[in-house]
């Protein structure tokens, strides 16, 4: 496998994930499958597209940026033990679920007068109001981890309160046009975005055994760039240094394409839709291998003349995962606020 070790790693996500992959017992990356997939994807468009017909955009950048901050504060864990009973929202005459349902709920909330742009309101958001915003369609279950979502909204509000009359604008400007600085700032100031885990194996060189993923914080940088297209507020000079976003769907499609190989123990757990604990060895291996496999594929594509970042490749694979055929092997189930 080609692996471009010169790729910048200012967040130390790559280094920590590579340490996991090199000592993993349950997940491995198949080099031949990496090469095949890289060649298959070489001509496919991997430019992330922000769907302006789907996402909310206000008349001013401040309100749009705050809406995106709220979106990514709540963007996690939509699965259900019974897939037929997932949290769903009725929107534009249809039932939608997952991320699209969250977009719908937050867009509807603005239309109903909820001041999602107001840090004071967010910091004191009542469970009743949040339940109304995230109310499921009749006959469907409430959104998973509801209490954590209330806590996250309040945390976001408290953080934004210190940034003055234009909190989102001031918060983003503090990063000085750097996606990396923004991620570091988000992780530091909003703890619910601090997506890291502990790797117990020794001799990895990881300080304190910390493994970093920062999935939602990195997604936030990308979403601000997409959602604020045409505004200086959405311009970041180093988006290409972001890593893959370790979630459910991207490892699922990589396993389906034989890039990620699970051992018998892990394969049986995932295929039986048994839960895997957040921060467990199994979960950390899946997520770390997702990040490193994406770097391998992107490196192979660049070696063949295709200029692509790991974050762009992640988007391409995530988009492809949305159309996986019936009968595909399932994604792993972990109840967590981080993805």
C-alpha atoms as a PDB file:
ATOM      1  CA  UNK A   1       0.000   0.000   0.000  1.00  0.00           C
ATOM      2  CA  UNK A   2       1.126   3.499  -0.736  1.00  0.00           C
ATOM      3  CA  UNK A   3       0.859   5.652   2.362  1.00  0.00           C
ATOM      4  CA  UNK A   4       1.836   9.291   2.198  1.00  0.00           C
ATOM      5  CA  UNK A   5       3.406   9.898   5.583  1.00  0.00           C
ATOM      6  CA  UNK A   6       4.095  13.506   4.588  1.00  0.00           C
ATOM      7  CA  UNK A   7       0.391  14.392   4.913  1.00  0.00           C
ATOM      8  CA  UNK A   8       0.035  16.961   7.660  1.00  0.00           C
ATOM      9  CA  UNK A   9      -1.290  15.699  10.974  1.00  0.00           C
ATOM     10  CA  UNK A  10      -1.729  18.800  13.134  1.00  0.00           C
ATOM     11  CA  UNK A  11      -4.600  17.261  15.093  1.00  0.00           C
ATOM     12  CA  UNK A  12      -2.577  14.067  15.731  1.00  0.00           C
ATOM     13  CA  UNK A  13      -5.537  11.985  14.616  1.00  0.00           C
ATOM     14  CA  UNK A  14      -3.525  10.075  12.020  1.00  0.00           C
ATOM     15  CA  UNK A  15      -0.673   9.275  14.394  1.00  0.00           C
ATOM     16  CA  UNK A  16      -2.939   7.956  17.127  1.00  0.00           C
ATOM     17  CA  UNK A  17      -5.139   5.954  14.739  1.00  0.00           C
ATOM     18  CA  UNK A  18      -2.088   4.425  13.060  1.00  0.00           C
ATOM     19  CA  UNK A  19      -0.828   3.287  16.466  1.00  0.00           C
ATOM     20  CA  UNK A  20      -4.131   1.469  16.970  1.00  0.00           C
ATOM     21  CA  UNK A  21      -4.066  -0.137  13.514  1.00  0.00           C
ATOM     22  CA  UNK A  22      -0.516  -1.378  14.046  1.00  0.00           C
ATOM     23  CA  UNK A  23      -1.505  -3.128  17.285  1.00  0.00           C
ATOM     24  CA  UNK A  24      -5.095  -4.098  16.403  1.00  0.00           C
ATOM     25  CA  UNK A  25      -6.308  -7.655  16.920  1.00  0.00           C
ATOM     26  CA  UNK A  26      -9.766  -7.582  15.348  1.00  0.00           C
ATOM     27  CA  UNK A  27      -9.597  -5.326  12.277  1.00  0.00           C
ATOM     28  CA  UNK A  28      -7.071  -5.177   9.461  1.00  0.00           C
ATOM     29  CA  UNK A  29      -6.777  -3.242   6.211  1.00  0.00           C
ATOM     30  CA  UNK A  30      -6.462  -5.255   2.989  1.00  0.00           C
ATOM     31  CA  UNK A  31      -3.843  -3.622   0.757  1.00  0.00           C
ATOM     32  CA  UNK A  32      -5.027  -5.247  -2.459  1.00  0.00           C
ATOM     33  CA  UNK A  33      -8.591  -4.072  -1.852  1.00  0.00           C
ATOM     34  CA  UNK A  34      -7.288  -0.569  -1.150  1.00  0.00           C
ATOM     35  CA  UNK A  35      -5.530  -0.500  -4.534  1.00  0.00           C
ATOM     36  CA  UNK A  36      -8.582  -1.847  -6.375  1.00  0.00           C
ATOM     37  CA  UNK A  37     -10.908   0.683  -4.786  1.00  0.00           C
ATOM     38  CA  UNK A  38      -8.505   3.548  -5.447  1.00  0.00           C
ATOM     39  CA  UNK A  39      -8.482   2.729  -9.156  1.00  0.00           C
ATOM     40  CA  UNK A  40     -12.251   2.309  -9.213  1.00  0.00           C
ATOM     41  CA  UNK A  41     -12.770   5.735  -7.678  1.00  0.00           C
ATOM     42  CA  UNK A  42     -10.101   7.574  -9.629  1.00  0.00           C
ATOM     43  CA  UNK A  43     -12.530   9.224 -12.063  1.00  0.00           C
ATOM     44  CA  UNK A  44     -15.449   9.785  -9.701  1.00  0.00           C
ATOM     45  CA  UNK A  45     -16.319  13.290  -8.554  1.00  0.00           C
ATOM     46  CA  UNK A  46     -15.420  13.702  -4.901  1.00  0.00           C
ATOM     47  CA  UNK A  47     -16.204  17.363  -4.413  1.00  0.00           C
ATOM     48  CA  UNK A  48     -18.382  17.615  -1.308  1.00  0.00           C
ATOM     49  CA  UNK A  49     -21.646  19.285  -2.209  1.00  0.00           C
ATOM     50  CA  UNK A  50     -23.714  21.236   0.295  1.00  0.00           C
ATOM     51  CA  UNK A  51     -27.332  20.683  -0.644  1.00  0.00           C
ATOM     52  CA  UNK A  52     -28.833  24.162  -0.489  1.00  0.00           C
ATOM     53  CA  UNK A  53     -32.274  22.706  -1.172  1.00  0.00           C
ATOM     54  CA  UNK A  54     -31.969  20.570   1.933  1.00  0.00           C
ATOM     55  CA  UNK A  55     -30.180  22.807   4.409  1.00  0.00           C
ATOM     56  CA  UNK A  56     -31.369  26.020   5.994  1.00  0.00           C
ATOM     57  CA  UNK A  57     -29.711  29.308   5.097  1.00  0.00           C
ATOM     58  CA  UNK A  58     -30.755  32.550   6.745  1.00  0.00           C
ATOM     59  CA  UNK A  59     -30.564  36.012   5.269  1.00  0.00           C
ATOM     60  CA  UNK A  60     -27.458  36.722   7.354  1.00  0.00           C
ATOM     61  CA  UNK A  61     -24.352  34.636   7.928  1.00  0.00           C
ATOM     62  CA  UNK A  62     -24.573  34.821  11.718  1.00  0.00           C
ATOM     63  CA  UNK A  63     -27.916  33.038  11.896  1.00  0.00           C
ATOM     64  CA  UNK A  64     -26.800  30.481   9.300  1.00  0.00           C
ATOM     65  CA  UNK A  65     -23.598  29.735  11.212  1.00  0.00           C
ATOM     66  CA  UNK A  66     -25.483  29.313  14.483  1.00  0.00           C
ATOM     67  CA  UNK A  67     -27.942  26.949  12.792  1.00  0.00           C
ATOM     68  CA  UNK A  68     -25.012  24.837  11.544  1.00  0.00           C
ATOM     69  CA  UNK A  69     -23.460  24.836  15.020  1.00  0.00           C
ATOM     70  CA  UNK A  70     -26.749  23.545  16.435  1.00  0.00           C
ATOM     71  CA  UNK A  71     -27.000  20.967  13.653  1.00  0.00           C
ATOM     72  CA  UNK A  72     -23.581  19.484  14.352  1.00  0.00           C
ATOM     73  CA  UNK A  73     -24.092  19.675  18.106  1.00  0.00           C
ATOM     74  CA  UNK A  74     -26.985  17.218  17.625  1.00  0.00           C
ATOM     75  CA  UNK A  75     -25.671  15.196  14.667  1.00  0.00           C
ATOM     76  CA  UNK A  76     -25.132  11.738  16.158  1.00  0.00           C
ATOM     77  CA  UNK A  77     -26.657   8.315  16.781  1.00  0.00           C
ATOM     78  CA  UNK A  78     -29.870   7.943  14.776  1.00  0.00           C
ATOM     79  CA  UNK A  79     -30.077   4.145  14.628  1.00  0.00           C
ATOM     80  CA  UNK A  80     -32.578   1.959  16.484  1.00  0.00           C
ATOM     81  CA  UNK A  81     -32.482  -1.676  17.588  1.00  0.00           C
ATOM     82  CA  UNK A  82     -35.514  -2.165  15.350  1.00  0.00           C
ATOM     83  CA  UNK A  83     -34.709  -0.415  12.042  1.00  0.00           C
ATOM     84  CA  UNK A  84     -38.419  -0.172  11.267  1.00  0.00           C
ATOM     85  CA  UNK A  85     -38.900   2.043  14.317  1.00  0.00           C
ATOM     86  CA  UNK A  86     -36.165   4.606  13.747  1.00  0.00           C
ATOM     87  CA  UNK A  87     -36.833   8.191  14.751  1.00  0.00           C
ATOM     88  CA  UNK A  88     -38.607   9.807  11.798  1.00  0.00           C
ATOM     89  CA  UNK A  89     -39.923  13.259  10.997  1.00  0.00           C
ATOM     90  CA  UNK A  90     -42.548  14.228   8.485  1.00  0.00           C
ATOM     91  CA  UNK A  91     -41.200  16.867   6.114  1.00  0.00           C
ATOM     92  CA  UNK A  92     -42.374  18.144   2.762  1.00  0.00           C
ATOM     93  CA  UNK A  93     -45.018  15.446   2.663  1.00  0.00           C
ATOM     94  CA  UNK A  94     -42.600  12.566   3.310  1.00  0.00           C
ATOM     95  CA  UNK A  95     -41.225  10.598   6.234  1.00  0.00           C
ATOM     96  CA  UNK A  96     -37.474  11.128   6.617  1.00  0.00           C
ATOM     97  CA  UNK A  97     -35.023   9.694   9.113  1.00  0.00           C
ATOM     98  CA  UNK A  98     -31.428  10.014  10.268  1.00  0.00           C
ATOM     99  CA  UNK A  99     -29.456  13.125   9.405  1.00  0.00           C
ATOM    100  CA  UNK A 100     -32.102  14.409   6.985  1.00  0.00           C
ATOM    101  CA  UNK A 101     -34.710  14.194   9.758  1.00  0.00           C
ATOM    102  CA  UNK A 102     -32.468  16.323  11.970  1.00  0.00           C
ATOM    103  CA  UNK A 103     -32.087  18.921   9.212  1.00  0.00           C
ATOM    104  CA  UNK A 104     -35.864  18.896   8.772  1.00  0.00           C
ATOM    105  CA  UNK A 105     -36.554  19.247  12.494  1.00  0.00           C
ATOM    106  CA  UNK A 106     -34.177  22.184  12.905  1.00  0.00           C
ATOM    107  CA  UNK A 107     -35.453  23.917   9.773  1.00  0.00           C
ATOM    108  CA  UNK A 108     -39.024  23.476  11.005  1.00  0.00           C
ATOM    109  CA  UNK A 109     -37.975  24.824  14.403  1.00  0.00           C
ATOM    110  CA  UNK A 110     -36.738  28.080  12.889  1.00  0.00           C
ATOM    111  CA  UNK A 111     -39.972  28.385  10.939  1.00  0.00           C
ATOM    112  CA  UNK A 112     -41.918  27.884  14.178  1.00  0.00           C
ATOM    113  CA  UNK A 113     -40.071  30.725  15.872  1.00  0.00           C
ATOM    114  CA  UNK A 114     -37.543  28.861  17.981  1.00  0.00           C
ATOM    115  CA  UNK A 115     -34.503  31.176  18.358  1.00  0.00           C
ATOM    116  CA  UNK A 116     -31.775  28.651  17.576  1.00  0.00           C
ATOM    117  CA  UNK A 117     -29.452  31.591  16.879  1.00  0.00           C
ATOM    118  CA  UNK A 118     -29.734  32.858  20.476  1.00  0.00           C
ATOM    119  CA  UNK A 119     -27.089  31.471  22.888  1.00  0.00           C
ATOM    120  CA  UNK A 120     -29.131  32.603  25.884  1.00  0.00           C
ATOM    121  CA  UNK A 121     -32.087  30.533  24.728  1.00  0.00           C
ATOM    122  CA  UNK A 122     -29.861  27.539  23.948  1.00  0.00           C
ATOM    123  CA  UNK A 123     -28.136  27.724  27.337  1.00  0.00           C
ATOM    124  CA  UNK A 124     -31.506  27.495  29.068  1.00  0.00           C
ATOM    125  CA  UNK A 125     -33.350  25.275  26.602  1.00  0.00           C
ATOM    126  CA  UNK A 126     -36.099  23.317  28.327  1.00  0.00           C
ATOM    127  CA  UNK A 127     -36.619  19.618  27.768  1.00  0.00           C
ATOM    128  CA  UNK A 128     -40.169  20.449  26.678  1.00  0.00           C
ATOM    129  CA  UNK A 129     -38.997  22.774  23.922  1.00  0.00           C
ATOM    130  CA  UNK A 130     -36.283  20.400  22.705  1.00  0.00           C
ATOM    131  CA  UNK A 131     -38.804  17.556  22.705  1.00  0.00           C
ATOM    132  CA  UNK A 132     -41.118  19.681  20.576  1.00  0.00           C
ATOM    133  CA  UNK A 133     -38.316  20.528  18.123  1.00  0.00           C
ATOM    134  CA  UNK A 134     -37.268  16.874  17.816  1.00  0.00           C
ATOM    135  CA  UNK A 135     -40.758  15.398  18.007  1.00  0.00           C
ATOM    136  CA  UNK A 136     -41.109  12.209  15.913  1.00  0.00           C
ATOM    137  CA  UNK A 137     -43.840  11.580  13.406  1.00  0.00           C
ATOM    138  CA  UNK A 138     -46.853   9.830  14.875  1.00  0.00           C
ATOM    139  CA  UNK A 139     -46.162   6.175  15.588  1.00  0.00           C
ATOM    140  CA  UNK A 140     -42.373   6.480  15.654  1.00  0.00           C
ATOM    141  CA  UNK A 141     -39.920   6.444  18.528  1.00  0.00           C
ATOM    142  CA  UNK A 142     -38.267   9.452  20.148  1.00  0.00           C
ATOM    143  CA  UNK A 143     -34.786  10.360  19.014  1.00  0.00           C
ATOM    144  CA  UNK A 144     -32.036   8.296  20.724  1.00  0.00           C
ATOM    145  CA  UNK A 145     -30.000   9.849  23.553  1.00  0.00           C
ATOM    146  CA  UNK A 146     -32.506  12.659  23.970  1.00  0.00           C
ATOM    147  CA  UNK A 147     -31.120  13.771  27.336  1.00  0.00           C
ATOM    148  CA  UNK A 148     -27.619  14.082  25.915  1.00  0.00           C
ATOM    149  CA  UNK A 149     -28.930  16.242  23.089  1.00  0.00           C
ATOM    150  CA  UNK A 150     -30.528  18.616  25.599  1.00  0.00           C
ATOM    151  CA  UNK A 151     -27.237  18.768  27.507  1.00  0.00           C
ATOM    152  CA  UNK A 152     -25.290  19.407  24.299  1.00  0.00           C
ATOM    153  CA  UNK A 153     -27.533  22.294  23.252  1.00  0.00           C
ATOM    154  CA  UNK A 154     -27.164  23.922  26.664  1.00  0.00           C
ATOM    155  CA  UNK A 155     -23.406  23.455  26.555  1.00  0.00           C
ATOM    156  CA  UNK A 156     -23.250  25.088  23.121  1.00  0.00           C
ATOM    157  CA  UNK A 157     -25.290  28.017  24.387  1.00  0.00           C
ATOM    158  CA  UNK A 158     -23.071  28.543  27.426  1.00  0.00           C
ATOM    159  CA  UNK A 159     -19.986  28.507  25.223  1.00  0.00           C
ATOM    160  CA  UNK A 160     -21.374  30.970  22.708  1.00  0.00           C
ATOM    161  CA  UNK A 161     -22.531  33.408  25.388  1.00  0.00           C
ATOM    162  CA  UNK A 162     -18.978  34.656  25.900  1.00  0.00           C
ATOM    163  CA  UNK A 163     -18.582  35.622  22.224  1.00  0.00           C
ATOM    164  CA  UNK A 164     -20.646  38.799  22.284  1.00  0.00           C
ATOM    165  CA  UNK A 165     -23.436  40.058  20.052  1.00  0.00           C
ATOM    166  CA  UNK A 166     -22.385  37.966  17.044  1.00  0.00           C
ATOM    167  CA  UNK A 167     -21.253  34.778  18.776  1.00  0.00           C
ATOM    168  CA  UNK A 168     -20.980  32.398  15.839  1.00  0.00           C
ATOM    169  CA  UNK A 169     -19.182  34.973  13.708  1.00  0.00           C
ATOM    170  CA  UNK A 170     -16.760  35.852  16.491  1.00  0.00           C
ATOM    171  CA  UNK A 171     -16.195  32.202  17.350  1.00  0.00           C
ATOM    172  CA  UNK A 172     -15.352  31.293  13.750  1.00  0.00           C
ATOM    173  CA  UNK A 173     -13.204  34.398  13.228  1.00  0.00           C
ATOM    174  CA  UNK A 174     -11.133  33.327  16.223  1.00  0.00           C
ATOM    175  CA  UNK A 175      -9.808  30.454  14.092  1.00  0.00           C
ATOM    176  CA  UNK A 176      -8.382  32.968  11.537  1.00  0.00           C
ATOM    177  CA  UNK A 177      -9.485  30.993   8.499  1.00  0.00           C
ATOM    178  CA  UNK A 178      -8.009  27.690   9.687  1.00  0.00           C
ATOM    179  CA  UNK A 179     -10.183  24.575   9.794  1.00  0.00           C
ATOM    180  CA  UNK A 180      -7.572  22.940  12.017  1.00  0.00           C
ATOM    181  CA  UNK A 181      -7.605  25.818  14.494  1.00  0.00           C
ATOM    182  CA  UNK A 182     -11.406  25.732  14.470  1.00  0.00           C
ATOM    183  CA  UNK A 183     -11.450  22.016  15.281  1.00  0.00           C
ATOM    184  CA  UNK A 184      -8.970  22.554  18.117  1.00  0.00           C
ATOM    185  CA  UNK A 185     -11.043  25.419  19.453  1.00  0.00           C
ATOM    186  CA  UNK A 186     -14.300  23.456  19.275  1.00  0.00           C
ATOM    187  CA  UNK A 187     -12.804  20.432  21.027  1.00  0.00           C
ATOM    188  CA  UNK A 188     -11.255  22.625  23.720  1.00  0.00           C
ATOM    189  CA  UNK A 189     -14.265  24.833  24.442  1.00  0.00           C
ATOM    190  CA  UNK A 190     -17.209  22.487  23.797  1.00  0.00           C
ATOM    191  CA  UNK A 191     -16.451  19.183  25.561  1.00  0.00           C
ATOM    192  CA  UNK A 192     -19.218  17.219  23.823  1.00  0.00           C
ATOM    193  CA  UNK A 193     -17.152  17.538  20.623  1.00  0.00           C
ATOM    194  CA  UNK A 194     -14.019  16.087  22.279  1.00  0.00           C
ATOM    195  CA  UNK A 195     -14.196  12.742  20.518  1.00  0.00           C
ATOM    196  CA  UNK A 196     -11.280  10.680  21.782  1.00  0.00           C
ATOM    197  CA  UNK A 197     -10.713   7.283  23.345  1.00  0.00           C
ATOM    198  CA  UNK A 198      -8.148   5.382  25.376  1.00  0.00           C
ATOM    199  CA  UNK A 199      -6.011   2.649  23.808  1.00  0.00           C
ATOM    200  CA  UNK A 200      -4.676   0.384  26.573  1.00  0.00           C
ATOM    201  CA  UNK A 201      -1.931  -1.390  24.654  1.00  0.00           C
ATOM    202  CA  UNK A 202       1.597  -0.371  25.556  1.00  0.00           C
ATOM    203  CA  UNK A 203       4.569   0.526  23.343  1.00  0.00           C
ATOM    204  CA  UNK A 204       2.473   2.617  20.959  1.00  0.00           C
ATOM    205  CA  UNK A 205       4.037   5.946  21.871  1.00  0.00           C
ATOM    206  CA  UNK A 206       0.635   7.503  22.463  1.00  0.00           C
ATOM    207  CA  UNK A 207       0.723  10.034  25.312  1.00  0.00           C
ATOM    208  CA  UNK A 208      -1.659   8.692  27.896  1.00  0.00           C
ATOM    209  CA  UNK A 209      -2.895   6.168  25.359  1.00  0.00           C
ATOM    210  CA  UNK A 210      -5.157   8.838  23.820  1.00  0.00           C
ATOM    211  CA  UNK A 211      -6.673   8.100  20.406  1.00  0.00           C
ATOM    212  CA  UNK A 212      -8.249  11.053  18.643  1.00  0.00           C
ATOM    213  CA  UNK A 213     -11.077  11.043  16.112  1.00  0.00           C
ATOM    214  CA  UNK A 214     -12.810  14.461  16.429  1.00  0.00           C
ATOM    215  CA  UNK A 215     -15.519  13.352  14.013  1.00  0.00           C
ATOM    216  CA  UNK A 216     -18.189  16.002  14.686  1.00  0.00           C
ATOM    217  CA  UNK A 217     -15.671  18.814  15.139  1.00  0.00           C
ATOM    218  CA  UNK A 218     -14.165  18.094  11.722  1.00  0.00           C
ATOM    219  CA  UNK A 219     -17.620  17.739  10.152  1.00  0.00           C
ATOM    220  CA  UNK A 220     -18.462  21.157  11.581  1.00  0.00           C
ATOM    221  CA  UNK A 221     -15.543  22.763   9.744  1.00  0.00           C
ATOM    222  CA  UNK A 222     -16.664  21.161   6.495  1.00  0.00           C
ATOM    223  CA  UNK A 223     -20.301  22.109   7.051  1.00  0.00           C
ATOM    224  CA  UNK A 224     -19.442  25.739   7.730  1.00  0.00           C
ATOM    225  CA  UNK A 225     -17.420  25.816   4.514  1.00  0.00           C
ATOM    226  CA  UNK A 226     -20.344  24.328   2.590  1.00  0.00           C
ATOM    227  CA  UNK A 227     -23.183  26.139   4.296  1.00  0.00           C
ATOM    228  CA  UNK A 228     -21.505  29.538   4.070  1.00  0.00           C
ATOM    229  CA  UNK A 229     -20.372  29.283   0.465  1.00  0.00           C
ATOM    230  CA  UNK A 230     -19.789  32.751  -0.918  1.00  0.00           C
ATOM    231  CA  UNK A 231     -19.131  34.235   2.514  1.00  0.00           C
ATOM    232  CA  UNK A 232     -15.664  34.974   3.917  1.00  0.00           C
ATOM    233  CA  UNK A 233     -16.874  33.277   7.092  1.00  0.00           C
ATOM    234  CA  UNK A 234     -16.885  29.920   5.281  1.00  0.00           C
ATOM    235  CA  UNK A 235     -13.374  30.128   3.841  1.00  0.00           C
ATOM    236  CA  UNK A 236     -10.738  27.828   5.392  1.00  0.00           C
ATOM    237  CA  UNK A 237      -7.291  27.469   3.855  1.00  0.00           C
ATOM    238  CA  UNK A 238      -6.463  24.034   5.276  1.00  0.00           C
ATOM    239  CA  UNK A 239      -9.558  21.853   4.844  1.00  0.00           C
ATOM    240  CA  UNK A 240      -7.362  19.337   3.018  1.00  0.00           C
ATOM    241  CA  UNK A 241      -5.616  18.471   6.301  1.00  0.00           C
ATOM    242  CA  UNK A 242      -8.776  17.020   7.836  1.00  0.00           C
ATOM    243  CA  UNK A 243      -9.011  13.240   8.152  1.00  0.00           C
ATOM    244  CA  UNK A 244     -11.826  10.853   7.353  1.00  0.00           C
ATOM    245  CA  UNK A 245     -14.810  11.142   9.677  1.00  0.00           C
ATOM    246  CA  UNK A 246     -15.016   7.890  11.622  1.00  0.00           C
ATOM    247  CA  UNK A 247     -18.712   7.018  11.865  1.00  0.00           C
ATOM    248  CA  UNK A 248     -21.042   4.053  11.138  1.00  0.00           C
ATOM    249  CA  UNK A 249     -21.574   4.154   7.397  1.00  0.00           C
ATOM    250  CA  UNK A 250     -18.062   4.640   6.036  1.00  0.00           C
ATOM    251  CA  UNK A 251     -16.619   1.577   7.803  1.00  0.00           C
ATOM    252  CA  UNK A 252     -19.684  -0.364   6.679  1.00  0.00           C
ATOM    253  CA  UNK A 253     -19.066   0.269   2.997  1.00  0.00           C
ATOM    254  CA  UNK A 254     -15.332  -0.318   3.367  1.00  0.00           C
ATOM    255  CA  UNK A 255     -16.053  -3.683   4.918  1.00  0.00           C
ATOM    256  CA  UNK A 256     -18.527  -4.451   2.130  1.00  0.00           C
ATOM    257  CA  UNK A 257     -15.756  -3.662  -0.359  1.00  0.00           C
ATOM    258  CA  UNK A 258     -13.281  -5.859   1.590  1.00  0.00           C
ATOM    259  CA  UNK A 259     -11.023  -2.945   2.492  1.00  0.00           C
ATOM    260  CA  UNK A 260     -11.669  -3.576   6.180  1.00  0.00           C
ATOM    261  CA  UNK A 261     -11.457  -7.187   7.308  1.00  0.00           C
ATOM    262  CA  UNK A 262     -13.044  -8.100  10.643  1.00  0.00           C
ATOM    263  CA  UNK A 263     -11.981 -11.205  12.553  1.00  0.00           C
ATOM    264  CA  UNK A 264     -14.592 -13.860  13.301  1.00  0.00           C
ATOM    265  CA  UNK A 265     -15.426 -12.492  16.740  1.00  0.00           C
ATOM    266  CA  UNK A 266     -16.106  -8.957  15.555  1.00  0.00           C
ATOM    267  CA  UNK A 267     -17.852 -10.089  12.355  1.00  0.00           C
ATOM    268  CA  UNK A 268     -20.338 -12.186  14.334  1.00  0.00           C
ATOM    269  CA  UNK A 269     -21.097  -9.292  16.693  1.00  0.00           C
ATOM    270  CA  UNK A 270     -21.655  -6.775  13.903  1.00  0.00           C
ATOM    271  CA  UNK A 271     -23.635  -9.126  11.676  1.00  0.00           C
ATOM    272  CA  UNK A 272     -25.903 -10.085  14.586  1.00  0.00           C
ATOM    273  CA  UNK A 273     -26.533  -6.381  15.275  1.00  0.00           C
ATOM    274  CA  UNK A 274     -25.223  -6.695  18.803  1.00  0.00           C
ATOM    275  CA  UNK A 275     -24.142  -3.503  20.494  1.00  0.00           C
ATOM    276  CA  UNK A 276     -20.473  -2.593  20.817  1.00  0.00           C
ATOM    277  CA  UNK A 277     -19.590  -0.339  23.737  1.00  0.00           C
ATOM    278  CA  UNK A 278     -18.287   3.138  23.045  1.00  0.00           C
ATOM    279  CA  UNK A 279     -14.564   3.298  23.742  1.00  0.00           C
ATOM    280  CA  UNK A 280     -14.156  -0.474  23.684  1.00  0.00           C
ATOM    281  CA  UNK A 281     -11.253  -2.132  21.912  1.00  0.00           C
ATOM    282  CA  UNK A 282     -13.538  -3.320  19.122  1.00  0.00           C
ATOM    283  CA  UNK A 283     -15.040   0.088  18.477  1.00  0.00           C
ATOM    284  CA  UNK A 284     -11.715   1.917  18.597  1.00  0.00           C
ATOM    285  CA  UNK A 285     -10.209  -0.535  16.111  1.00  0.00           C
ATOM    286  CA  UNK A 286     -13.084  -0.053  13.662  1.00  0.00           C
ATOM    287  CA  UNK A 287     -12.860   3.722  13.822  1.00  0.00           C
ATOM    288  CA  UNK A 288      -9.066   3.909  13.678  1.00  0.00           C
ATOM    289  CA  UNK A 289      -8.940   1.553  10.699  1.00  0.00           C
ATOM    290  CA  UNK A 290     -11.555   3.725   8.975  1.00  0.00           C
ATOM    291  CA  UNK A 291      -9.317   6.785   9.251  1.00  0.00           C
ATOM    292  CA  UNK A 292      -6.133   5.028   8.143  1.00  0.00           C
ATOM    293  CA  UNK A 293      -7.787   3.075   5.310  1.00  0.00           C
ATOM    294  CA  UNK A 294      -9.092   6.355   3.906  1.00  0.00           C
ATOM    295  CA  UNK A 295      -5.580   7.802   4.014  1.00  0.00           C
ATOM    296  CA  UNK A 296      -4.266   4.727   2.181  1.00  0.00           C
ATOM    297  CA  UNK A 297      -6.892   4.964  -0.559  1.00  0.00           C
ATOM    298  CA  UNK A 298      -6.369   8.696  -0.991  1.00  0.00           C
ATOM    299  CA  UNK A 299      -2.595   8.180  -1.161  1.00  0.00           C
ATOM    300  CA  UNK A 300      -3.010   5.560  -3.900  1.00  0.00           C
ATOM    301  CA  UNK A 301      -5.281   7.909  -5.838  1.00  0.00           C
ATOM    302  CA  UNK A 302      -2.802  10.765  -5.544  1.00  0.00           C
ATOM    303  CA  UNK A 303       0.004   8.459  -6.697  1.00  0.00           C
ATOM    304  CA  UNK A 304      -2.088   7.846  -9.835  1.00  0.00           C
ATOM    305  CA  UNK A 305      -2.467  11.560 -10.463  1.00  0.00           C
ATOM    306  CA  UNK A 306      -5.780  12.264  -8.753  1.00  0.00           C
ATOM    307  CA  UNK A 307      -5.532  15.127  -6.259  1.00  0.00           C
ATOM    308  CA  UNK A 308      -7.895  14.232  -3.433  1.00  0.00           C
ATOM    309  CA  UNK A 309      -7.934  14.682   0.317  1.00  0.00           C
ATOM    310  CA  UNK A 310      -9.050  12.099   2.844  1.00  0.00           C
ATOM    311  CA  UNK A 311     -12.024  14.261   3.816  1.00  0.00           C
ATOM    312  CA  UNK A 312     -13.167  14.499   0.175  1.00  0.00           C
ATOM    313  CA  UNK A 313     -12.789  10.742  -0.215  1.00  0.00           C
ATOM    314  CA  UNK A 314     -14.772  10.201   2.970  1.00  0.00           C
ATOM    315  CA  UNK A 315     -17.633  12.236   1.489  1.00  0.00           C
ATOM    316  CA  UNK A 316     -17.519  10.222  -1.726  1.00  0.00           C
ATOM    317  CA  UNK A 317     -17.691   6.918   0.167  1.00  0.00           C
ATOM    318  CA  UNK A 318     -20.368   8.161   2.579  1.00  0.00           C
ATOM    319  CA  UNK A 319     -22.508   9.229  -0.388  1.00  0.00           C
ATOM    320  CA  UNK A 320     -22.012   5.821  -1.960  1.00  0.00           C
ATOM    321  CA  UNK A 321     -22.971   4.113   1.307  1.00  0.00           C
ATOM    322  CA  UNK A 322     -26.412   5.740   1.206  1.00  0.00           C
ATOM    323  CA  UNK A 323     -27.320   3.521  -1.753  1.00  0.00           C
ATOM    324  CA  UNK A 324     -26.037   0.202  -0.457  1.00  0.00           C
ATOM    325  CA  UNK A 325     -28.205  -2.678  -1.694  1.00  0.00           C
ATOM    326  CA  UNK A 326     -30.497  -4.706   0.515  1.00  0.00           C
ATOM    327  CA  UNK A 327     -28.668  -7.597   2.079  1.00  0.00           C
ATOM    328  CA  UNK A 328     -25.429  -5.677   2.634  1.00  0.00           C
ATOM    329  CA  UNK A 329     -23.676  -6.408   5.882  1.00  0.00           C
ATOM    330  CA  UNK A 330     -24.847  -4.051   8.645  1.00  0.00           C
ATOM    331  CA  UNK A 331     -22.914  -1.278  10.303  1.00  0.00           C
ATOM    332  CA  UNK A 332     -21.708  -1.634  13.875  1.00  0.00           C
ATOM    333  CA  UNK A 333     -24.039  -0.390  16.598  1.00  0.00           C
ATOM    334  CA  UNK A 334     -22.520   1.869  19.247  1.00  0.00           C
ATOM    335  CA  UNK A 335     -24.564   4.230  21.373  1.00  0.00           C
ATOM    336  CA  UNK A 336     -22.512   7.405  21.539  1.00  0.00           C
ATOM    337  CA  UNK A 337     -22.752  11.176  21.239  1.00  0.00           C
ATOM    338  CA  UNK A 338     -19.700  11.336  18.972  1.00  0.00           C
ATOM    339  CA  UNK A 339     -21.169   9.944  15.709  1.00  0.00           C
END
